Amino acid sequence: MMMNNSEKGESPQEATPAPQQEPSTQDPGPREPAEEEYEDGDVVAQGSPSTRPHPGAIEAPDGGWGWVVLAATVMVLALTLAFPSCVSIFYTDLQTEFNATNSQTSWVPSIMTSVLHVGGPLCSMLVQRFGCRATVMFGGVMSGLGMTFSSFTNSMEELYITAGVITGLGFCFSFQPAVTILGQYFVRRRPFANAMSSTGTALGLSVLPFLGHYLHSQFGWRGSFLVLGAVLLNCCVCGAVMRPLGPRRKQSVGVPAAPSANGNTESSGKRNSVVQSWCKSAAMTLHKNMAFDLFCINLRFRMFSLGITWMMLGFVVPLVYLVPYATTSGMEPSRAALLLSILGIINIFIRPPIGLLFNMPWFKGRHIYVFSAALLFNGLSNIICCLGPSFEVLLAYVLTYGLSMAVVGSLLFTVLMDTVDMRRFQSALGLLSVMESVTLLIGPPLAGVLVDRMGVYTHVFVACSVTVVTSALFLMLSFYWLDRRDAKCKQEQQAAPNGHPPKACVTLVPECQYRSVPTEGARDTGGAESETDPVTRL
């Protein structure tokens, strides 16, 4: 109650001691960082999130209402990330309806997935202006309308706009804020929370193929798209429970002060100043939501972004072409859809124990190596599809691919959160999403061109295997080299004389405040190791 009164300034007697205590905890300066403390109502104030309570709530982060947010995030990921892979069920109908080739049809899920990632900066602007809750709900409405409009299209070009751009942008507005607010609710249990939230993709892969096949048999592809549009509106319900952690702060907008009496001259000057202020605001917002500075300074984030971007060129392509590969070889559509469902069921049962396992203190600092090893295994598993299109062979492929996919999906956001400071996670995710969108956009169409020219699907799986394996080796070797270099520099610093310390080779980003977050094992010993590794700088 004393803090609330001092912050609101209701009591002049309690407001005077507050400025005497603030210089000891925060650097004096302009009040601009107040917007970064709360991020317009959805980002916790500076300090440890585990010690910042909800306004008017008893539960702290890492529990309480955070479990409800976790469940909502699972549902959002099930309806967004898994949806483009299930569009392959309607491939044959789309090709027959519009007389399209494999390459032309593959642009639908490709554009949908690419826009899902490329809309990251715009999504970050909406989050800062309206908060995570409103952005997720707006994304649900947009994706639902996109699939509804898709059921009335008469050409592939119209389908590219409705199902690709509009629905994909709605997925972006729902997916990224859900992941962001989940990272704010969980700090100490973040690996477990990320692993549990990633089961949403597995849940969607196991349920949506059955739902799509049933709707296709009952209503055709147009009626199925109409019903799926209504299903996507459930993202609005999930966004409604994503309560922000901090009180909303009103952002000041640069508007000219008082009207002048000179008429048209002053009004034109006011319009120019408004335009200039909006341009400056847009440039600053874009710079803030696109972590170009982190990409230039943080070498680990740079390596991780490049590796993930190359990985996405072949990581999702097998999910797009698995069902067409099986159906064109004579397999029944119901059994082909069953393969995707089995893939999702494997992830549902594997990801939660993986999250508990990787939350152990021994894996701290080793997440990237486990991630790279699972990615290497995932790339090699694509070779199994070259053995034949029988259900037994494809079932073995789904089992191996699903196991490695569970580890990759569980650790993807955890590695990113370990690489950058959590307060820069949204901007880092925005830049990474834009980089991923390029390879996600061209991956399935390139595979479609390969199928149209070669006439077989096995070349697609071989190309995906090469792409994913090379990205895994790049990530593993680059982070190993960085760890060895940092360890060598630390040894040189410890062995140097006290009077002449060597120049530090690990430089922290000056704008970021790094804090220590205790893990499960470190709490018992009283130690607090850093949640984020030191930022390596060239």
Foldseek 3Di string as FASTA:
>chain_A
DLVVCCVVVPDVVSVVCVVVPVVVPDPDDDPVCVLLQQLQQFHHGPDDQQPQFFVVDDDGFPDDLLVLLLVLLLQLLLLFVQVLLLCLLCQVVQCVQAVDFQLLSLLLSLLLLLLLLQCLLVLSVCCSVPNLLVLLLVLLLQLLQLLLVCLVDRHSVSSCVRRRNRNSNSSNSNNLSSVLSSCSRDDQLVLLSLLSSLLSSLVNLQPVLVLLVVCCVPPNPSSSSNVSSVVSSCSNVSSNSSRHRGDGDDDDQDADDDDDPPPPVRVVVRVVVNVVSVVVVVVVSSCLQAVPVCCAFFVLLVLLLVLVLLLLLQLCQCSNCQQVQLVVVPDDSVLSSNLSSVLSVLLNVQRNVLSVVCLDPVNQVVLLVQLLVLLLQLLVLLLLPVVDSDSVSSNVSSNSNSNSVSSNSSRVLLVLCQRDPSSSSSSSSSNSSSSNSVSSSVRSSVLSVVCVVVVHNSVSSNVSSVSSNVSSVSSNVVVVVVVVVQVVQVVQQVPDDPVDGDDHQFDADVVDDWDFDQYPVCVVVVDTHTSYDGRGGD
